[in-house]
Amino acid sequence: MDNFLILSSAIMMGLSSVGTGIGFGILGGKLLESISRQPELDNLLLTRTFLITGLLDAVPMISVGIGLYIIFILSNK
């Protein structure tokens, strides 16, 4: 049972990192596309992009925290 907990938490942490990488790629591409269409909105778009980037970056951090909780706390009971 302990091996399955460790494996499942490792998969959870890995997939959240992959999803965040894909999300950053899509976000950056859409930012460049939006700035090339309307260059006068570049400051507004950059501000919103940095806000969304911070929220997007929080997801794998939460996942790593939950994964480490599963590995070190729940698997030792």
C-alpha atoms as a PDB file:
ATOM      1  CA  MET A   1       0.000   0.000   0.000  1.00  0.00           C
ATOM      2  CA  ASP A   2       2.844   2.374   0.800  1.00  0.00           C
ATOM      3  CA  ASN A   3       4.358   1.886  -2.633  1.00  0.00           C
ATOM      4  CA  PHE A   4       1.096   2.880  -4.294  1.00  0.00           C
ATOM      5  CA  LEU A   5       0.875   6.044  -2.193  1.00  0.00           C
ATOM      6  CA  ILE A   6       4.401   7.043  -3.151  1.00  0.00           C
ATOM      7  CA  LEU A   7       3.814   6.224  -6.815  1.00  0.00           C
ATOM      8  CA  SER A   8       0.519   8.095  -6.956  1.00  0.00           C
ATOM      9  CA  SER A   9       1.973  11.187  -5.310  1.00  0.00           C
ATOM     10  CA  ALA A  10       4.947  11.132  -7.697  1.00  0.00           C
ATOM     11  CA  ILE A  11       2.581  10.914 -10.667  1.00  0.00           C
ATOM     12  CA  MET A  12       0.505  13.762  -9.244  1.00  0.00           C
ATOM     13  CA  MET A  13       3.542  16.005  -8.827  1.00  0.00           C
ATOM     14  CA  GLY A  14       4.910  15.132 -12.264  1.00  0.00           C
ATOM     15  CA  LEU A  15       1.673  15.679 -14.146  1.00  0.00           C
ATOM     16  CA  SER A  16       1.050  19.000 -12.451  1.00  0.00           C
ATOM     17  CA  SER A  17       4.479  20.176 -13.577  1.00  0.00           C
ATOM     18  CA  VAL A  18       3.838  19.031 -17.139  1.00  0.00           C
ATOM     19  CA  GLY A  19       0.461  20.763 -17.159  1.00  0.00           C
ATOM     20  CA  THR A  20       1.998  23.968 -15.890  1.00  0.00           C
ATOM     21  CA  GLY A  21       4.655  23.856 -18.594  1.00  0.00           C
ATOM     22  CA  ILE A  22       1.994  23.462 -21.259  1.00  0.00           C
ATOM     23  CA  GLY A  23      -0.012  26.278 -19.692  1.00  0.00           C
ATOM     24  CA  PHE A  24       2.990  28.622 -19.685  1.00  0.00           C
ATOM     25  CA  GLY A  25       3.610  27.856 -23.353  1.00  0.00           C
ATOM     26  CA  ILE A  26       0.024  28.578 -24.333  1.00  0.00           C
ATOM     27  CA  LEU A  27      -0.071  31.720 -22.193  1.00  0.00           C
ATOM     28  CA  GLY A  28       3.136  33.091 -23.693  1.00  0.00           C
ATOM     29  CA  GLY A  29       1.977  32.355 -27.223  1.00  0.00           C
ATOM     30  CA  LYS A  30      -1.354  34.064 -26.695  1.00  0.00           C
ATOM     31  CA  LEU A  31       0.398  37.047 -25.100  1.00  0.00           C
ATOM     32  CA  LEU A  32       2.617  37.516 -28.145  1.00  0.00           C
ATOM     33  CA  GLU A  33      -0.363  37.077 -30.444  1.00  0.00           C
ATOM     34  CA  SER A  34      -2.398  39.653 -28.515  1.00  0.00           C
ATOM     35  CA  ILE A  35       0.409  42.216 -28.399  1.00  0.00           C
ATOM     36  CA  SER A  36       1.023  41.828 -32.124  1.00  0.00           C
ATOM     37  CA  ARG A  37      -2.671  42.450 -32.824  1.00  0.00           C
ATOM     38  CA  GLN A  38      -3.067  45.434 -30.476  1.00  0.00           C
ATOM     39  CA  PRO A  39       0.295  46.921 -29.484  1.00  0.00           C
ATOM     40  CA  GLU A  40      -1.315  49.777 -27.557  1.00  0.00           C
ATOM     41  CA  LEU A  41      -2.567  47.342 -24.891  1.00  0.00           C
ATOM     42  CA  ASP A  42       0.844  45.867 -24.096  1.00  0.00           C
ATOM     43  CA  ASN A  43       1.076  47.200 -20.514  1.00  0.00           C
ATOM     44  CA  LEU A  44      -2.419  45.969 -19.638  1.00  0.00           C
ATOM     45  CA  LEU A  45      -1.797  42.579 -21.214  1.00  0.00           C
ATOM     46  CA  LEU A  46       1.558  42.165 -19.467  1.00  0.00           C
ATOM     47  CA  THR A  47       0.042  43.016 -16.092  1.00  0.00           C
ATOM     48  CA  ARG A  48      -2.745  40.489 -16.509  1.00  0.00           C
ATOM     49  CA  THR A  49      -0.354  37.881 -17.850  1.00  0.00           C
ATOM     50  CA  PHE A  50       1.927  38.209 -14.827  1.00  0.00           C
ATOM     51  CA  LEU A  51      -1.083  37.854 -12.526  1.00  0.00           C
ATOM     52  CA  ILE A  52      -2.247  34.718 -14.313  1.00  0.00           C
ATOM     53  CA  THR A  53       1.323  33.392 -14.356  1.00  0.00           C
ATOM     54  CA  GLY A  54       1.496  33.676 -10.576  1.00  0.00           C
ATOM     55  CA  LEU A  55      -1.777  31.812 -10.192  1.00  0.00           C
ATOM     56  CA  LEU A  56      -0.688  29.187 -12.708  1.00  0.00           C
ATOM     57  CA  ASP A  57       2.600  28.700 -10.892  1.00  0.00           C
ATOM     58  CA  ALA A  58       0.812  28.131  -7.571  1.00  0.00           C
ATOM     59  CA  VAL A  59      -0.873  24.937  -8.784  1.00  0.00           C
ATOM     60  CA  PRO A  60       2.251  22.726  -8.921  1.00  0.00           C
ATOM     61  CA  MET A  61       3.481  24.176  -5.624  1.00  0.00           C
ATOM     62  CA  ILE A  62       0.239  23.088  -3.963  1.00  0.00           C
ATOM     63  CA  SER A  63       0.510  19.716  -5.682  1.00  0.00           C
ATOM     64  CA  VAL A  64       4.068  19.239  -4.422  1.00  0.00           C
ATOM     65  CA  GLY A  65       2.932  20.114  -0.903  1.00  0.00           C
ATOM     66  CA  ILE A  66       0.101  17.595  -1.022  1.00  0.00           C
ATOM     67  CA  GLY A  67       2.374  14.973  -2.587  1.00  0.00           C
ATOM     68  CA  LEU A  68       5.013  15.377   0.094  1.00  0.00           C
ATOM     69  CA  TYR A  69       2.288  15.191   2.744  1.00  0.00           C
ATOM     70  CA  ILE A  70       1.125  11.900   1.264  1.00  0.00           C
ATOM     71  CA  ILE A  71       4.657  10.515   1.055  1.00  0.00           C
ATOM     72  CA  PHE A  72       5.921  11.470   4.499  1.00  0.00           C
ATOM     73  CA  ILE A  73       2.782  11.530   6.652  1.00  0.00           C
ATOM     74  CA  LEU A  74       0.227   9.117   5.250  1.00  0.00           C
ATOM     75  CA  SER A  75       2.598   6.398   4.060  1.00  0.00           C
ATOM     76  CA  ASN A  76       4.257   6.102   7.499  1.00  0.00           C
ATOM     77  CA  LYS A  77       1.046   5.307   9.392  1.00  0.00           C
END
